[in-house]
Each structure stands twice: as structure tokens, then as C-alpha cells.
Protein backbone atom coordinates (compact mmCIF):
# COMPACT_ATOMS: atom_id res chain seq x y z
CA MET A 1 -5.45 15.11 -28.41
CA GLU A 2 -2.02 14.16 -30.05
CA ALA A 3 -0.33 11.13 -28.77
CA ILE A 4 2.31 12.13 -26.08
CA THR A 5 6.09 10.64 -26.81
CA LEU A 6 8.28 9.91 -24.17
CA PRO A 7 12.10 8.87 -24.21
CA ILE A 8 13.03 5.60 -23.21
CA TYR A 9 16.10 5.32 -21.19
CA ASN A 10 18.79 2.21 -20.15
CA THR A 11 20.48 1.45 -17.28
CA GLU A 12 23.02 3.93 -18.10
CA GLY A 13 20.88 6.91 -18.09
CA LYS A 14 21.27 7.18 -21.59
CA GLU A 15 18.06 7.91 -24.08
CA VAL A 16 17.96 4.69 -26.45
CA ASP A 17 14.52 5.18 -27.90
CA SER A 18 11.07 6.97 -27.34
CA ILE A 19 7.52 5.71 -27.19
CA LYS A 20 4.45 7.31 -28.29
CA LEU A 21 1.78 6.83 -25.19
CA ASP A 22 -1.82 5.52 -26.09
CA ALA A 23 -4.09 8.47 -26.42
CA LYS A 24 -6.86 6.92 -25.00
CA VAL A 25 -5.34 6.27 -21.86
CA PHE A 26 -2.84 8.98 -21.41
CA ASP A 27 -5.09 11.82 -22.48
CA GLY A 28 -4.27 14.36 -19.69
CA SER A 29 -7.44 13.97 -17.87
CA ILE A 30 -7.35 14.28 -14.22
CA ASN A 31 -10.32 13.41 -12.32
CA THR A 32 -9.52 14.75 -8.76
CA ALA A 33 -13.24 13.68 -7.58
CA VAL A 34 -12.37 10.16 -8.60
CA LEU A 35 -8.84 10.52 -7.26
CA TYR A 36 -9.88 11.79 -3.81
CA GLN A 37 -12.82 8.72 -3.87
CA ALA A 38 -10.04 6.15 -4.22
CA ILE A 39 -7.52 7.83 -1.81
CA THR A 40 -9.89 8.12 0.97
CA ALA A 41 -11.04 4.29 0.41
CA TYR A 42 -7.88 3.11 0.46
CA ARG A 43 -6.93 4.68 3.79
CA ALA A 44 -10.29 3.73 5.17
CA ASN A 45 -9.16 -0.06 4.38
CA GLN A 46 -5.92 0.27 6.18
CA ARG A 47 -7.63 1.29 9.20
CA LYS A 48 -7.47 -1.31 12.22
CA GLY A 49 -10.49 -0.42 14.08
CA MET A 50 -8.94 -1.71 17.25
CA ALA A 51 -9.65 1.00 19.64
CA ALA A 52 -12.15 0.25 22.48
CA THR A 53 -13.14 1.31 25.80
CA LYS A 54 -15.25 -0.60 28.41
CA THR A 55 -19.01 0.20 29.60
CA ARG A 56 -19.77 0.09 33.08
CA GLY A 57 -20.86 -3.67 32.62
CA GLU A 58 -17.29 -4.25 31.55
CA VAL A 59 -15.37 -2.88 34.01
CA SER A 60 -14.65 -5.03 36.77
CA GLY A 61 -15.98 -4.52 40.05
CA GLY A 62 -18.85 -2.37 41.16
CA GLY A 63 -20.76 -5.41 42.01
CA ARG A 64 -22.08 -4.03 45.53
CA LYS A 65 -23.73 -1.23 45.88
CA PRO A 66 -22.26 1.65 47.71
CA TRP A 67 -25.23 2.53 50.05
CA LYS A 68 -28.63 1.79 50.51
CA GLN A 69 -31.22 3.59 48.19
CA LYS A 70 -33.00 5.68 50.66
CA GLY A 71 -32.57 7.43 54.12
CA THR A 72 -28.72 8.64 53.43
CA GLY A 73 -29.49 12.12 51.91
CA ARG A 74 -27.09 11.43 49.03
CA ALA A 75 -28.32 10.36 45.42
CA ARG A 76 -29.07 7.25 44.62
CA VAL A 77 -26.16 4.87 43.02
CA GLY A 78 -26.30 1.41 42.04
CA SER A 79 -22.91 0.85 41.19
CA THR A 80 -19.01 2.30 41.71
CA ARG A 81 -18.70 1.78 38.00
CA SER A 82 -21.28 4.26 37.42
CA PRO A 83 -19.64 6.54 34.38
CA LEU A 84 -20.28 9.51 36.57
CA TRP A 85 -17.43 7.96 38.69
CA ARG A 86 -14.19 7.97 38.86
CA HIS A 87 -12.88 4.47 37.61
CA GLY A 88 -16.15 3.87 35.89
CA GLY A 89 -17.29 2.96 32.63
CA VAL A 90 -17.35 4.93 29.56
CA THR A 91 -20.93 5.90 28.32
CA PHE A 92 -20.28 6.37 24.66
CA GLY A 93 -16.79 5.20 23.60
CA PRO A 94 -15.34 3.38 20.66
CA HIS A 95 -15.63 -0.31 20.13
CA PRO A 96 -13.69 -2.45 17.66
CA ARG A 97 -15.41 -2.15 14.28
CA ASP A 98 -14.47 -2.26 10.36
CA TYR A 99 -14.00 0.92 8.46
CA SER A 100 -13.36 -0.66 5.20
CA TYR A 101 -15.60 -0.53 2.23
CA LYS A 102 -15.80 -1.39 -1.43
CA LEU A 103 -15.30 0.68 -4.64
CA PRO A 104 -16.29 -0.41 -8.16
CA GLN A 105 -13.35 -1.70 -10.19
CA LYS A 106 -13.88 1.08 -12.77
CA LEU A 107 -13.82 4.12 -10.44
CA LYS A 108 -10.61 2.51 -9.08
CA ALA A 109 -9.15 2.66 -12.61
CA GLN A 110 -10.04 5.81 -13.24
CA ALA A 111 -8.48 7.11 -10.02
CA LEU A 112 -5.29 5.05 -11.59
CA LYS A 113 -5.41 6.63 -14.81
CA SER A 114 -5.63 10.13 -13.22
CA ILE A 115 -2.64 9.78 -11.34
CA ILE A 116 -0.79 8.08 -14.13
CA ASN A 117 -1.95 11.52 -16.32
CA ALA A 118 -0.71 13.62 -13.39
CA LYS A 119 2.64 12.23 -13.31
CA VAL A 120 3.16 12.50 -17.10
CA LYS A 121 1.93 16.02 -16.84
CA GLU A 122 4.36 16.72 -14.11
CA ASN A 123 7.57 15.21 -16.09
CA ASP A 124 7.76 12.54 -12.86
CA MET A 125 7.67 9.77 -14.90
CA LEU A 126 10.75 7.84 -16.58
CA ILE A 127 10.71 4.78 -18.63
CA LEU A 128 13.35 2.08 -18.62
CA ASP A 129 14.05 -0.25 -21.48
CA ASP A 130 14.42 -3.08 -19.19
CA LEU A 131 15.98 -3.83 -15.70
CA LYS A 132 18.13 -6.97 -15.02
CA ILE A 133 20.89 -7.17 -12.53
CA ASP A 134 23.20 -10.51 -12.67
CA LYS A 135 24.07 -10.49 -9.17
CA PRO A 136 22.19 -9.39 -6.11
CA LYS A 137 24.15 -6.42 -5.26
CA THR A 138 22.35 -3.14 -3.73
CA SER A 139 25.58 -1.27 -4.95
CA ALA A 140 24.71 -2.36 -8.66
CA ALA A 141 20.79 -1.23 -8.00
CA ALA A 142 21.93 2.00 -6.49
CA LYS A 143 24.33 3.10 -9.47
CA ILE A 144 21.38 2.53 -11.89
CA PHE A 145 19.35 4.83 -9.97
CA SER A 146 22.13 7.06 -9.81
CA ASN A 147 22.46 7.28 -13.42
CA LEU A 148 18.89 7.94 -13.80
CA LYS A 149 19.53 10.94 -11.49
CA LEU A 150 16.84 9.93 -8.91
CA ASN A 151 19.66 9.65 -6.02
CA ASN A 152 21.86 12.66 -6.33
CA GLU A 153 24.30 12.06 -3.60
CA LYS A 154 26.29 15.64 -4.29
CA LYS A 155 23.14 17.85 -4.11
CA GLN A 156 21.69 15.60 -1.28
CA LYS A 157 18.46 15.45 -2.86
CA ILE A 158 16.58 11.97 -2.43
CA PHE A 159 13.27 11.38 -3.97
CA SER A 160 10.64 8.80 -3.37
CA VAL A 161 10.68 6.43 -6.05
CA LEU A 162 8.23 3.93 -7.32
CA LEU A 163 9.20 1.36 -9.11
CA LEU A 164 6.91 -0.64 -11.68
CA LEU A 165 7.76 -4.13 -13.16
CA ASP A 166 6.21 -6.49 -15.53
CA LYS A 167 8.11 -9.18 -13.93
CA CYS A 168 10.81 -9.48 -10.75
CA ASP A 169 13.32 -12.06 -10.32
CA ASN A 170 15.10 -13.23 -7.13
CA ASN A 171 18.39 -11.04 -7.70
CA LEU A 172 16.29 -8.15 -8.76
CA LYS A 173 14.14 -8.23 -5.42
CA LEU A 174 17.19 -8.52 -3.58
CA ALA A 175 19.41 -5.85 -4.98
CA LEU A 176 16.60 -3.75 -4.59
CA ARG A 177 14.95 -3.96 -1.39
CA ASN A 178 17.96 -2.44 0.71
CA LEU A 179 17.46 0.95 -0.97
CA LYS A 180 15.12 3.50 1.27
CA PHE A 181 13.88 5.74 -1.13
CA LEU A 182 12.31 2.76 -3.65
CA ASP A 183 9.53 0.84 -3.42
CA ILE A 184 8.82 -1.77 -6.24
CA ASN A 185 5.53 -3.52 -7.23
CA LEU A 186 4.21 -5.02 -10.62
CA ALA A 187 2.50 -2.93 -13.18
CA LYS A 188 -0.55 -5.24 -13.10
CA ASP A 189 -1.04 -4.52 -9.40
CA THR A 190 -0.37 -1.00 -8.61
CA HIS A 191 -2.94 1.20 -7.38
CA ALA A 192 -3.83 5.25 -7.12
CA TYR A 193 -2.54 5.88 -3.59
CA GLU A 194 0.68 3.74 -4.33
CA VAL A 195 1.48 6.10 -7.31
CA MET A 196 0.28 9.40 -5.56
CA ALA A 197 2.75 8.65 -2.85
CA HIS A 198 5.85 8.78 -4.37
CA ARG A 199 7.31 11.47 -6.22
CA LYS A 200 8.70 9.69 -9.07
CA LEU A 201 7.34 6.89 -11.02
CA VAL A 202 9.69 4.38 -12.99
CA ILE A 203 8.52 1.73 -15.19
CA THR A 204 10.02 -0.33 -17.44
CA LYS A 205 8.57 -0.56 -21.23
CA ASN A 206 7.07 -3.93 -20.87
CA GLY A 207 5.41 -2.90 -17.52
CA LEU A 208 3.77 0.21 -19.41
CA THR A 209 2.53 -1.87 -21.99
CA GLU A 210 0.77 -3.91 -19.57
CA LEU A 211 -0.46 -1.03 -17.57
CA THR A 212 -1.88 0.46 -20.56
CA ASP A 213 -3.72 -2.51 -21.28
CA ARG A 214 -4.95 -2.44 -17.95
CA LEU A 215 -6.12 1.22 -18.08
CA SER A 216 -7.46 1.00 -21.96
CA GLN A 217 -10.45 -0.55 -20.75
CA VAL A 218 -12.05 1.70 -18.33
CA LYS A 219 -14.19 4.27 -20.28
CA SER A 220 -14.25 7.87 -19.78
CA ARG A 221 -17.95 9.56 -19.16
CA LYS A 222 -17.19 11.34 -22.91
CA GLU A 223 -16.72 7.81 -24.34
CA LYS A 224 -19.79 6.66 -22.83
CA LYS A 225 -21.94 9.35 -23.97
């Protein structure tokens, strides 16, 4: 497969250069099975697992036997906290548990590679030359994304945008944190669920280099054979 060439934009929204993507990483392959496993595992790991019910031994009260064992003509009962009674315990209710489980690092990297390829294929990835802000002003940050046509107020279209950086200084962090449509992360720390949860992906040139180096270590099944 030939290398894909994408334009590089500056903060004014103008095309200033172009870059050829690494064909080994951006090969257009999308492994939906691996992507499904990574997304399912991430969501399972986010579960708190705090749902709980009380058994008959945990419900308060019910220590005294309601009536004698024999002679009343009624069914024998040992406690008023029986699951058959009102205010009784729960028989097979949920209890606190850990839903998390681990996936192999290669599988998670392969899932990230798949969703990045999907973003490129759908023209939802944009590359920035660099992103620097002198003063921590939200208006300055909003203007940059307006120039990139990612926050078009006239058409009232606001995309959910993920910005991946190679580094983030304090001014940039303060300027970007109030943009509701935007989430920020470092390219070296991103994962498949995060990329998939956003409509658009914006990545700096240096961030793309770090991401490519990270994903180039993942070998596909074809390469292993």
C-alpha cells in the first residue's frame, strides 16, 4: 500500500506543509474484533461494582422466631427476615465485585492502530504544525479551532474533538480547559476508547511522530507469518 499524504495546518487554519504517513502503521487495516475487545475491556474497567443487597443474615431484626414450630397449622418459619417475607433479605442479589480485567499490550496497541486508521479513512484526523499560546486565554484557544472549522458557530455544529499533544504547558492547559467540545491528552498516553469516543482527532506534528513510533512496534498477523 502506498503511503498516505496528509496536509499540515497552522493555528490560522492554513495549509503550510504536508506529511507522508508511515505505511507500516497507517496501512488502512481496521481490526473490528480487536477493537471490540479493547472497548469492552475499557468499559468494564470503569465499572465501580458497588451494587449490593443484604442477605437474610445481614438484614437487621428477625432474631426471634415468629411462632412456635408446631401446633399452629401454619408453615414453619425461623425468622421474619426470610426472603419470602416483606422486609426480608435478598436471595441471589448483587454484591460488590471487581469487573476489571487485563488485556495484552499488543492487543490494545492493535486496537488503537485500527481506530486511528479509521479516522484517517473517514477524513476525521487533522494534523497541526504546532500549538502554542502565549497567554492562558480561552478566547485565543477557541479562535484556533474556529480557524480549523471545528467549531462553526454559524452552522451551529460543534464536534467532539480530541487533541493529542507531545507536551502541554500550563498556559495551554488553562486556555483549553474551558472548551466544552474539546478533550486533551498526550499522544503517548492515548487509547482506542478515547479516540473512538470523539468525532474529530487533532494531533500535532510531534505528537504524530510519538504515536507512530509507539504503533510501529505492533506487528500485524501478516507480518508475523
